[in-house]
Amino acid sequence: MKISPSFFNFGSLVLGIFLIIPSCFSQKNFPNTSPTPPDHSLWTELLQKHVSDVGEVDYPGFIKDSVKLNQYLHTLSTTAPDKKKWSDAEQLAYWINVYNAFTVKIVADHYPVETIKEIGGRVNIPFVSTVWDIKFINIGGTEIDLNTVEHGIIRKEFEEPRIHFAVNCASYSCPILLNEAYTPEKLEEQLQQQTLSFINNPRFNIIEGPDRAQVSRLFQWYSGDFKVDGMTVVDYLNQYSEVKLKPDADISYMEYDWSLNE
């Protein structure tokens, strides 16, 4: 695979380097766990009411429904997974919902913003440099941040590249926020559909033909996650892309649009 040189600023470089470094945190750090997973139906109700089919998020609507949103977040906070009793699908669906619901929460709490990246600069907490470093998520009696959820738990404990098309960073170039909760019963179908939809959507990836493609920076930032079982990024794309790429296809990366997904 030939990688075309493409410009990206220092901030994107730092982000790209940081995102591939997993946290040392793990689920074993939670002092209080629940023997049974929570009901995610309230999250589905909120998502179907305030998120369009193309992932446009109505943050003012979530603000008006803050009582229900906080009720669901409290449910998540008080039902940390018991790894001995929960299936892998129950755990993974839970953590994807944690990431997405708390991301909506922090954006709603600071709304209006043009980008989620503004929020880190608004919070005056020592050693906190980005919104993803703010410890505002209480799970099982432990305060954690979004980076811990994504990198210390989801990426570290589940070998599942498709999660990159399920977790949503509240930005235009992010894979869309699915307007239903992830559930263990539907998880495989949901991950598969999100991956197919993302890879074949020209908003995120432009696969011009077998010789050339412009793809999301997710495939650059997390390239190691997609190189499973000896595959290349092109091999991974070809599993889902309607247009198949040659092994030596010219791959470049699209600029990432951090504007709010509303």
C-alpha atoms as a PDB file:
ATOM      1  CA  MET A   1       0.000   0.000   0.000  1.00  0.00           C
ATOM      2  CA  LYS A   2       1.426   3.375  -0.989  1.00  0.00           C
ATOM      3  CA  ILE A   3       0.632   6.244   1.357  1.00  0.00           C
ATOM      4  CA  SER A   4       0.420   9.620  -0.305  1.00  0.00           C
ATOM      5  CA  PRO A   5       1.923  12.507   1.667  1.00  0.00           C
ATOM      6  CA  SER A   6      -0.833  14.673   3.121  1.00  0.00           C
ATOM      7  CA  PHE A   7      -0.725  17.736   5.302  1.00  0.00           C
ATOM      8  CA  PHE A   8      -2.021  17.682   8.836  1.00  0.00           C
ATOM      9  CA  ASN A   9      -1.307  20.241  11.534  1.00  0.00           C
ATOM     10  CA  PHE A  10       0.600  19.750  14.749  1.00  0.00           C
ATOM     11  CA  GLY A  11      -2.595  19.387  16.777  1.00  0.00           C
ATOM     12  CA  SER A  12      -3.743  16.502  14.609  1.00  0.00           C
ATOM     13  CA  LEU A  13      -0.319  14.887  14.888  1.00  0.00           C
ATOM     14  CA  VAL A  14      -0.392  15.041  18.676  1.00  0.00           C
ATOM     15  CA  LEU A  15      -3.930  13.657  18.694  1.00  0.00           C
ATOM     16  CA  GLY A  16      -2.957  10.853  16.370  1.00  0.00           C
ATOM     17  CA  ILE A  17      -0.003   9.856  18.519  1.00  0.00           C
ATOM     18  CA  PHE A  18      -1.997  10.047  21.735  1.00  0.00           C
ATOM     19  CA  LEU A  19      -4.914   7.996  20.499  1.00  0.00           C
ATOM     20  CA  ILE A  20      -2.781   4.933  19.869  1.00  0.00           C
ATOM     21  CA  ILE A  21      -1.445   4.871  23.421  1.00  0.00           C
ATOM     22  CA  PRO A  22      -3.869   2.867  25.592  1.00  0.00           C
ATOM     23  CA  SER A  23      -4.422   3.729  29.229  1.00  0.00           C
ATOM     24  CA  CYS A  24      -3.266   1.396  31.998  1.00  0.00           C
ATOM     25  CA  PHE A  25      -6.799   1.484  33.427  1.00  0.00           C
ATOM     26  CA  SER A  26      -9.056  -1.581  33.263  1.00  0.00           C
ATOM     27  CA  GLN A  27     -12.479  -2.718  34.427  1.00  0.00           C
ATOM     28  CA  LYS A  28     -10.965  -4.347  37.505  1.00  0.00           C
ATOM     29  CA  ASN A  29     -10.545  -0.855  38.992  1.00  0.00           C
ATOM     30  CA  PHE A  30     -14.248  -0.473  39.808  1.00  0.00           C
ATOM     31  CA  PRO A  31     -15.059  -1.146  43.475  1.00  0.00           C
ATOM     32  CA  ASN A  32     -18.800  -1.546  42.888  1.00  0.00           C
ATOM     33  CA  THR A  33     -20.206  -3.741  40.130  1.00  0.00           C
ATOM     34  CA  SER A  34     -23.614  -5.051  39.129  1.00  0.00           C
ATOM     35  CA  PRO A  35     -24.397  -8.735  38.505  1.00  0.00           C
ATOM     36  CA  THR A  36     -26.816  -7.805  35.699  1.00  0.00           C
ATOM     37  CA  PRO A  37     -26.528  -5.332  32.807  1.00  0.00           C
ATOM     38  CA  PRO A  38     -28.760  -2.231  32.716  1.00  0.00           C
ATOM     39  CA  ASP A  39     -31.768  -1.645  30.503  1.00  0.00           C
ATOM     40  CA  HIS A  40     -30.741   0.671  27.648  1.00  0.00           C
ATOM     41  CA  SER A  41     -34.272   1.383  26.398  1.00  0.00           C
ATOM     42  CA  LEU A  42     -34.325   4.933  27.829  1.00  0.00           C
ATOM     43  CA  TRP A  43     -31.204   5.744  25.809  1.00  0.00           C
ATOM     44  CA  THR A  44     -32.908   4.432  22.671  1.00  0.00           C
ATOM     45  CA  GLU A  45     -35.919   6.627  23.424  1.00  0.00           C
ATOM     46  CA  LEU A  46     -33.721   9.715  23.722  1.00  0.00           C
ATOM     47  CA  LEU A  47     -31.650   8.896  20.639  1.00  0.00           C
ATOM     48  CA  GLN A  48     -34.683   8.312  18.426  1.00  0.00           C
ATOM     49  CA  LYS A  49     -36.156  11.597  19.611  1.00  0.00           C
ATOM     50  CA  HIS A  50     -33.026  13.754  19.248  1.00  0.00           C
ATOM     51  CA  VAL A  51     -30.776  12.112  16.611  1.00  0.00           C
ATOM     52  CA  SER A  52     -31.648  11.933  12.917  1.00  0.00           C
ATOM     53  CA  ASP A  53     -31.047   8.941  10.674  1.00  0.00           C
ATOM     54  CA  VAL A  54     -27.932  10.667   9.302  1.00  0.00           C
ATOM     55  CA  GLY A  55     -26.531  11.378  12.766  1.00  0.00           C
ATOM     56  CA  GLU A  56     -27.519  15.032  13.246  1.00  0.00           C
ATOM     57  CA  VAL A  57     -27.787  15.604  16.996  1.00  0.00           C
ATOM     58  CA  ASP A  58     -30.339  17.975  18.515  1.00  0.00           C
ATOM     59  CA  TYR A  59     -28.387  19.103  21.573  1.00  0.00           C
ATOM     60  CA  PRO A  60     -31.043  21.655  22.671  1.00  0.00           C
ATOM     61  CA  GLY A  61     -33.500  18.745  22.628  1.00  0.00           C
ATOM     62  CA  PHE A  62     -31.221  16.705  24.891  1.00  0.00           C
ATOM     63  CA  ILE A  63     -30.955  19.726  27.196  1.00  0.00           C
ATOM     64  CA  LYS A  64     -34.755  19.892  27.434  1.00  0.00           C
ATOM     65  CA  ASP A  65     -34.767  16.170  28.205  1.00  0.00           C
ATOM     66  CA  SER A  66     -31.959  16.493  30.774  1.00  0.00           C
ATOM     67  CA  VAL A  67     -33.974  14.734  33.478  1.00  0.00           C
ATOM     68  CA  LYS A  68     -34.262  11.588  31.367  1.00  0.00           C
ATOM     69  CA  LEU A  69     -30.660  11.859  30.168  1.00  0.00           C
ATOM     70  CA  ASN A  70     -29.395  12.159  33.741  1.00  0.00           C
ATOM     71  CA  GLN A  71     -31.610   9.256  34.754  1.00  0.00           C
ATOM     72  CA  TYR A  72     -29.987   7.051  32.126  1.00  0.00           C
ATOM     73  CA  LEU A  73     -26.483   8.231  33.055  1.00  0.00           C
ATOM     74  CA  HIS A  74     -27.221   7.408  36.713  1.00  0.00           C
ATOM     75  CA  THR A  75     -28.254   3.923  35.605  1.00  0.00           C
ATOM     76  CA  LEU A  76     -24.927   3.503  33.819  1.00  0.00           C
ATOM     77  CA  SER A  77     -23.023   4.869  36.803  1.00  0.00           C
ATOM     78  CA  THR A  78     -24.586   2.377  39.206  1.00  0.00           C
ATOM     79  CA  THR A  79     -24.295  -0.735  37.024  1.00  0.00           C
ATOM     80  CA  ALA A  80     -20.578  -1.208  36.354  1.00  0.00           C
ATOM     81  CA  PRO A  81     -19.969  -4.563  34.662  1.00  0.00           C
ATOM     82  CA  ASP A  82     -19.201  -7.668  36.665  1.00  0.00           C
ATOM     83  CA  LYS A  83     -16.794  -9.326  34.244  1.00  0.00           C
ATOM     84  CA  LYS A  84     -17.425 -12.750  35.761  1.00  0.00           C
ATOM     85  CA  LYS A  85     -21.167 -12.555  35.145  1.00  0.00           C
ATOM     86  CA  TRP A  86     -21.589 -10.360  32.054  1.00  0.00           C
ATOM     87  CA  SER A  87     -20.986 -11.688  28.551  1.00  0.00           C
ATOM     88  CA  ASP A  88     -18.493  -9.908  26.297  1.00  0.00           C
ATOM     89  CA  ALA A  89     -21.387  -8.559  24.219  1.00  0.00           C
ATOM     90  CA  GLU A  90     -23.099  -7.170  27.331  1.00  0.00           C
ATOM     91  CA  GLN A  91     -19.881  -5.461  28.419  1.00  0.00           C
ATOM     92  CA  LEU A  92     -19.022  -4.005  25.020  1.00  0.00           C
ATOM     93  CA  ALA A  93     -22.541  -2.692  24.368  1.00  0.00           C
ATOM     94  CA  TYR A  94     -22.484  -1.090  27.820  1.00  0.00           C
ATOM     95  CA  TRP A  95     -19.161   0.692  27.259  1.00  0.00           C
ATOM     96  CA  ILE A  96     -20.112   1.991  23.805  1.00  0.00           C
ATOM     97  CA  ASN A  97     -23.286   3.439  25.314  1.00  0.00           C
ATOM     98  CA  VAL A  98     -21.283   4.935  28.200  1.00  0.00           C
ATOM     99  CA  TYR A  99     -18.958   6.695  25.773  1.00  0.00           C
ATOM    100  CA  ASN A 100     -21.737   8.016  23.549  1.00  0.00           C
ATOM    101  CA  ALA A 101     -24.148   9.060  26.304  1.00  0.00           C
ATOM    102  CA  PHE A 102     -21.543  10.865  28.395  1.00  0.00           C
ATOM    103  CA  THR A 103     -20.208  12.591  25.267  1.00  0.00           C
ATOM    104  CA  VAL A 104     -23.710  13.949  24.617  1.00  0.00           C
ATOM    105  CA  LYS A 105     -23.871  14.979  28.283  1.00  0.00           C
ATOM    106  CA  ILE A 106     -20.652  17.023  28.289  1.00  0.00           C
ATOM    107  CA  VAL A 107     -21.535  18.765  25.014  1.00  0.00           C
ATOM    108  CA  ALA A 108     -25.046  19.546  26.292  1.00  0.00           C
ATOM    109  CA  ASP A 109     -23.612  20.926  29.542  1.00  0.00           C
ATOM    110  CA  HIS A 110     -21.378  23.369  27.630  1.00  0.00           C
ATOM    111  CA  TYR A 111     -23.667  24.086  24.680  1.00  0.00           C
ATOM    112  CA  PRO A 112     -23.462  26.116  22.484  1.00  0.00           C
ATOM    113  CA  VAL A 113     -20.007  25.217  21.149  1.00  0.00           C
ATOM    114  CA  GLU A 114     -18.712  25.052  17.612  1.00  0.00           C
ATOM    115  CA  THR A 115     -16.629  21.989  18.389  1.00  0.00           C
ATOM    116  CA  ILE A 116     -16.276  19.560  21.299  1.00  0.00           C
ATOM    117  CA  LYS A 117     -12.585  20.490  21.425  1.00  0.00           C
ATOM    118  CA  GLU A 118     -13.543  23.924  22.834  1.00  0.00           C
ATOM    119  CA  ILE A 119     -14.735  22.324  26.057  1.00  0.00           C
ATOM    120  CA  GLY A 120     -11.289  21.291  27.276  1.00  0.00           C
ATOM    121  CA  GLY A 121     -10.157  24.904  27.147  1.00  0.00           C
ATOM    122  CA  ARG A 122     -13.182  26.057  29.133  1.00  0.00           C
ATOM    123  CA  VAL A 123     -12.561  23.816  32.132  1.00  0.00           C
ATOM    124  CA  ASN A 124     -10.022  25.182  34.621  1.00  0.00           C
ATOM    125  CA  ILE A 125      -8.656  21.940  36.073  1.00  0.00           C
ATOM    126  CA  PRO A 126      -4.893  21.389  36.523  1.00  0.00           C
ATOM    127  CA  PHE A 127      -3.353  18.794  34.153  1.00  0.00           C
ATOM    128  CA  VAL A 128      -6.524  18.574  32.038  1.00  0.00           C
ATOM    129  CA  SER A 129      -5.677  19.532  28.475  1.00  0.00           C
ATOM    130  CA  THR A 130      -8.628  18.234  26.431  1.00  0.00           C
ATOM    131  CA  VAL A 131     -12.277  17.377  26.884  1.00  0.00           C
ATOM    132  CA  TRP A 132     -11.304  13.705  26.717  1.00  0.00           C
ATOM    133  CA  ASP A 133      -9.145  14.076  29.851  1.00  0.00           C
ATOM    134  CA  ILE A 134     -11.882  15.511  32.103  1.00  0.00           C
ATOM    135  CA  LYS A 135     -12.865  13.034  34.815  1.00  0.00           C
ATOM    136  CA  PHE A 136     -16.625  13.592  34.875  1.00  0.00           C
ATOM    137  CA  ILE A 137     -17.858  10.020  34.401  1.00  0.00           C
ATOM    138  CA  ASN A 138     -18.704   8.097  37.572  1.00  0.00           C
ATOM    139  CA  ILE A 139     -18.744   4.363  37.034  1.00  0.00           C
ATOM    140  CA  GLY A 140     -19.096   2.047  40.014  1.00  0.00           C
ATOM    141  CA  GLY A 141     -17.782   4.674  42.402  1.00  0.00           C
ATOM    142  CA  THR A 142     -14.751   5.641  40.292  1.00  0.00           C
ATOM    143  CA  GLU A 143     -14.305   8.897  38.369  1.00  0.00           C
ATOM    144  CA  ILE A 144     -12.951   8.357  34.859  1.00  0.00           C
ATOM    145  CA  ASP A 145     -12.671  10.263  31.574  1.00  0.00           C
ATOM    146  CA  LEU A 146     -13.610   9.547  27.969  1.00  0.00           C
ATOM    147  CA  ASN A 147     -10.040   8.573  27.102  1.00  0.00           C
ATOM    148  CA  THR A 148     -10.165   5.866  29.765  1.00  0.00           C
ATOM    149  CA  VAL A 149     -13.445   4.516  28.401  1.00  0.00           C
ATOM    150  CA  GLU A 150     -12.197   4.355  24.815  1.00  0.00           C
ATOM    151  CA  HIS A 151      -8.510   3.539  25.158  1.00  0.00           C
ATOM    152  CA  GLY A 152      -8.192   1.989  28.605  1.00  0.00           C
ATOM    153  CA  ILE A 153     -11.259  -0.235  28.381  1.00  0.00           C
ATOM    154  CA  ILE A 154     -12.868  -0.603  24.940  1.00  0.00           C
ATOM    155  CA  ARG A 155      -9.733  -0.750  22.780  1.00  0.00           C
ATOM    156  CA  LYS A 156      -7.636  -2.484  25.426  1.00  0.00           C
ATOM    157  CA  GLU A 157     -10.055  -5.210  26.481  1.00  0.00           C
ATOM    158  CA  PHE A 158     -12.002  -5.943  23.285  1.00  0.00           C
ATOM    159  CA  GLU A 159     -10.242  -6.880  20.060  1.00  0.00           C
ATOM    160  CA  GLU A 160     -12.919  -5.320  17.886  1.00  0.00           C
ATOM    161  CA  PRO A 161     -11.877  -2.737  15.238  1.00  0.00           C
ATOM    162  CA  ARG A 162     -15.512  -2.003  14.398  1.00  0.00           C
ATOM    163  CA  ILE A 163     -15.910  -0.065  17.646  1.00  0.00           C
ATOM    164  CA  HIS A 164     -14.272   2.866  15.838  1.00  0.00           C
ATOM    165  CA  PHE A 165     -17.497   3.216  13.830  1.00  0.00           C
ATOM    166  CA  ALA A 166     -19.700   2.962  16.944  1.00  0.00           C
ATOM    167  CA  VAL A 167     -18.187   5.411  19.436  1.00  0.00           C
ATOM    168  CA  ASN A 168     -19.024   8.997  18.546  1.00  0.00           C
ATOM    169  CA  CYS A 169     -16.886  12.085  19.285  1.00  0.00           C
ATOM    170  CA  ALA A 170     -19.646  14.614  18.554  1.00  0.00           C
ATOM    171  CA  SER A 171     -17.955  15.822  15.363  1.00  0.00           C
ATOM    172  CA  TYR A 172     -18.870  15.960  11.692  1.00  0.00           C
ATOM    173  CA  SER A 173     -16.097  13.595  10.582  1.00  0.00           C
ATOM    174  CA  CYS A 174     -16.900  11.050  13.281  1.00  0.00           C
ATOM    175  CA  PRO A 175     -18.962   8.017  12.322  1.00  0.00           C
ATOM    176  CA  ILE A 176     -22.583   8.939  12.931  1.00  0.00           C
ATOM    177  CA  LEU A 177     -24.207   8.532  16.328  1.00  0.00           C
ATOM    178  CA  LEU A 178     -26.559   5.581  15.888  1.00  0.00           C
ATOM    179  CA  ASN A 179     -30.087   6.600  16.896  1.00  0.00           C
ATOM    180  CA  GLU A 180     -30.643   3.532  19.031  1.00  0.00           C
ATOM    181  CA  ALA A 181     -28.756   2.095  21.974  1.00  0.00           C
ATOM    182  CA  TYR A 182     -26.259  -0.689  21.451  1.00  0.00           C
ATOM    183  CA  THR A 183     -27.590  -3.889  22.976  1.00  0.00           C
ATOM    184  CA  PRO A 184     -25.960  -7.304  23.381  1.00  0.00           C
ATOM    185  CA  GLU A 185     -28.722  -8.945  21.342  1.00  0.00           C
ATOM    186  CA  LYS A 186     -28.153  -6.665  18.336  1.00  0.00           C
ATOM    187  CA  LEU A 187     -24.492  -5.781  18.822  1.00  0.00           C
ATOM    188  CA  GLU A 188     -23.071  -7.858  15.957  1.00  0.00           C
ATOM    189  CA  GLU A 189     -25.680  -6.542  13.522  1.00  0.00           C
ATOM    190  CA  GLN A 190     -25.195  -2.949  14.717  1.00  0.00           C
ATOM    191  CA  LEU A 191     -21.396  -3.028  14.451  1.00  0.00           C
ATOM    192  CA  GLN A 192     -21.549  -4.620  11.023  1.00  0.00           C
ATOM    193  CA  GLN A 193     -24.053  -2.089   9.709  1.00  0.00           C
ATOM    194  CA  GLN A 194     -22.171   0.897  11.146  1.00  0.00           C
ATOM    195  CA  THR A 195     -18.945  -0.296   9.533  1.00  0.00           C
ATOM    196  CA  LEU A 196     -20.540  -0.901   6.134  1.00  0.00           C
ATOM    197  CA  SER A 197     -22.299   2.453   6.258  1.00  0.00           C
ATOM    198  CA  PHE A 198     -19.195   4.391   7.299  1.00  0.00           C
ATOM    199  CA  ILE A 199     -16.779   2.879   4.804  1.00  0.00           C
ATOM    200  CA  ASN A 200     -19.143   3.327   1.851  1.00  0.00           C
ATOM    201  CA  ASN A 201     -20.255   6.871   2.733  1.00  0.00           C
ATOM    202  CA  PRO A 202     -18.381   9.478   0.589  1.00  0.00           C
ATOM    203  CA  ARG A 203     -18.681  11.939   3.460  1.00  0.00           C
ATOM    204  CA  PHE A 204     -16.078   9.840   5.279  1.00  0.00           C
ATOM    205  CA  ASN A 205     -14.273   7.854   2.575  1.00  0.00           C
ATOM    206  CA  ILE A 206     -13.937   8.460  -1.161  1.00  0.00           C
ATOM    207  CA  ILE A 207     -12.921   5.214  -2.843  1.00  0.00           C
ATOM    208  CA  GLU A 208     -12.452   6.428  -6.395  1.00  0.00           C
ATOM    209  CA  GLY A 209     -11.514   3.091  -7.924  1.00  0.00           C
ATOM    210  CA  PRO A 210      -9.214   0.131  -7.427  1.00  0.00           C
ATOM    211  CA  ASP A 211      -6.081   2.307  -7.610  1.00  0.00           C
ATOM    212  CA  ARG A 212      -6.903   5.268  -5.366  1.00  0.00           C
ATOM    213  CA  ALA A 213      -8.845   6.233  -2.239  1.00  0.00           C
ATOM    214  CA  GLN A 214      -9.165   9.098   0.208  1.00  0.00           C
ATOM    215  CA  VAL A 215     -10.107   7.638   3.559  1.00  0.00           C
ATOM    216  CA  SER A 216     -10.895   8.812   7.062  1.00  0.00           C
ATOM    217  CA  ARG A 217      -8.004   9.664   9.367  1.00  0.00           C
ATOM    218  CA  LEU A 218      -9.400   7.000  11.693  1.00  0.00           C
ATOM    219  CA  PHE A 219      -7.583   4.510   9.463  1.00  0.00           C
ATOM    220  CA  GLN A 220      -4.353   6.438  10.033  1.00  0.00           C
ATOM    221  CA  TRP A 221      -4.711   7.159  13.755  1.00  0.00           C
ATOM    222  CA  TYR A 222      -5.771   3.606  14.574  1.00  0.00           C
ATOM    223  CA  SER A 223      -4.019   1.745  11.787  1.00  0.00           C
ATOM    224  CA  GLY A 224      -2.730  -0.916  14.162  1.00  0.00           C
ATOM    225  CA  ASP A 225      -6.267  -1.820  15.229  1.00  0.00           C
ATOM    226  CA  PHE A 226      -7.194  -2.641  11.635  1.00  0.00           C
ATOM    227  CA  LYS A 227      -4.102  -4.702  10.900  1.00  0.00           C
ATOM    228  CA  VAL A 228      -5.463  -7.895  12.457  1.00  0.00           C
ATOM    229  CA  ASP A 229      -4.427 -11.396  11.418  1.00  0.00           C
ATOM    230  CA  GLY A 230      -1.775 -10.046   9.067  1.00  0.00           C
ATOM    231  CA  MET A 231      -4.160  -7.743   7.183  1.00  0.00           C
ATOM    232  CA  THR A 232      -3.332  -4.291   5.845  1.00  0.00           C
ATOM    233  CA  VAL A 233      -5.649  -1.299   6.044  1.00  0.00           C
ATOM    234  CA  VAL A 234      -6.536  -1.947   2.383  1.00  0.00           C
ATOM    235  CA  ASP A 235      -7.435  -5.546   3.246  1.00  0.00           C
ATOM    236  CA  TYR A 236      -9.700  -4.282   6.017  1.00  0.00           C
ATOM    237  CA  LEU A 237     -11.393  -1.749   3.751  1.00  0.00           C
ATOM    238  CA  ASN A 238     -11.960  -4.409   1.085  1.00  0.00           C
ATOM    239  CA  GLN A 239     -13.965  -6.512   3.522  1.00  0.00           C
ATOM    240  CA  TYR A 240     -16.664  -3.820   3.511  1.00  0.00           C
ATOM    241  CA  SER A 241     -16.084  -1.512   0.546  1.00  0.00           C
ATOM    242  CA  GLU A 242     -18.365  -1.795  -2.474  1.00  0.00           C
ATOM    243  CA  VAL A 243     -15.347  -0.807  -4.603  1.00  0.00           C
ATOM    244  CA  LYS A 244     -12.374  -3.111  -4.052  1.00  0.00           C
ATOM    245  CA  LEU A 245      -8.873  -1.665  -3.809  1.00  0.00           C
ATOM    246  CA  LYS A 246      -5.677  -3.150  -5.204  1.00  0.00           C
ATOM    247  CA  PRO A 247      -3.028  -4.088  -2.618  1.00  0.00           C
ATOM    248  CA  ASP A 248      -0.792  -1.235  -3.848  1.00  0.00           C
ATOM    249  CA  ALA A 249      -3.586   1.337  -4.076  1.00  0.00           C
ATOM    250  CA  ASP A 250      -2.640   4.967  -3.463  1.00  0.00           C
ATOM    251  CA  ILE A 251      -4.179   5.878  -0.073  1.00  0.00           C
ATOM    252  CA  SER A 252      -4.445   9.428   1.244  1.00  0.00           C
ATOM    253  CA  TYR A 253      -6.267  10.736   4.303  1.00  0.00           C
ATOM    254  CA  MET A 254      -9.095  13.268   4.433  1.00  0.00           C
ATOM    255  CA  GLU A 255      -8.900  16.294   6.694  1.00  0.00           C
ATOM    256  CA  TYR A 256     -10.851  15.723   9.895  1.00  0.00           C
ATOM    257  CA  ASP A 257     -13.750  18.114  10.461  1.00  0.00           C
ATOM    258  CA  TRP A 258     -14.185  18.692  14.206  1.00  0.00           C
ATOM    259  CA  SER A 259     -17.263  20.910  13.857  1.00  0.00           C
ATOM    260  CA  LEU A 260     -20.189  19.815  16.019  1.00  0.00           C
ATOM    261  CA  ASN A 261     -22.424  17.076  14.618  1.00  0.00           C
ATOM    262  CA  GLU A 262     -25.674  19.011  14.770  1.00  0.00           C
END
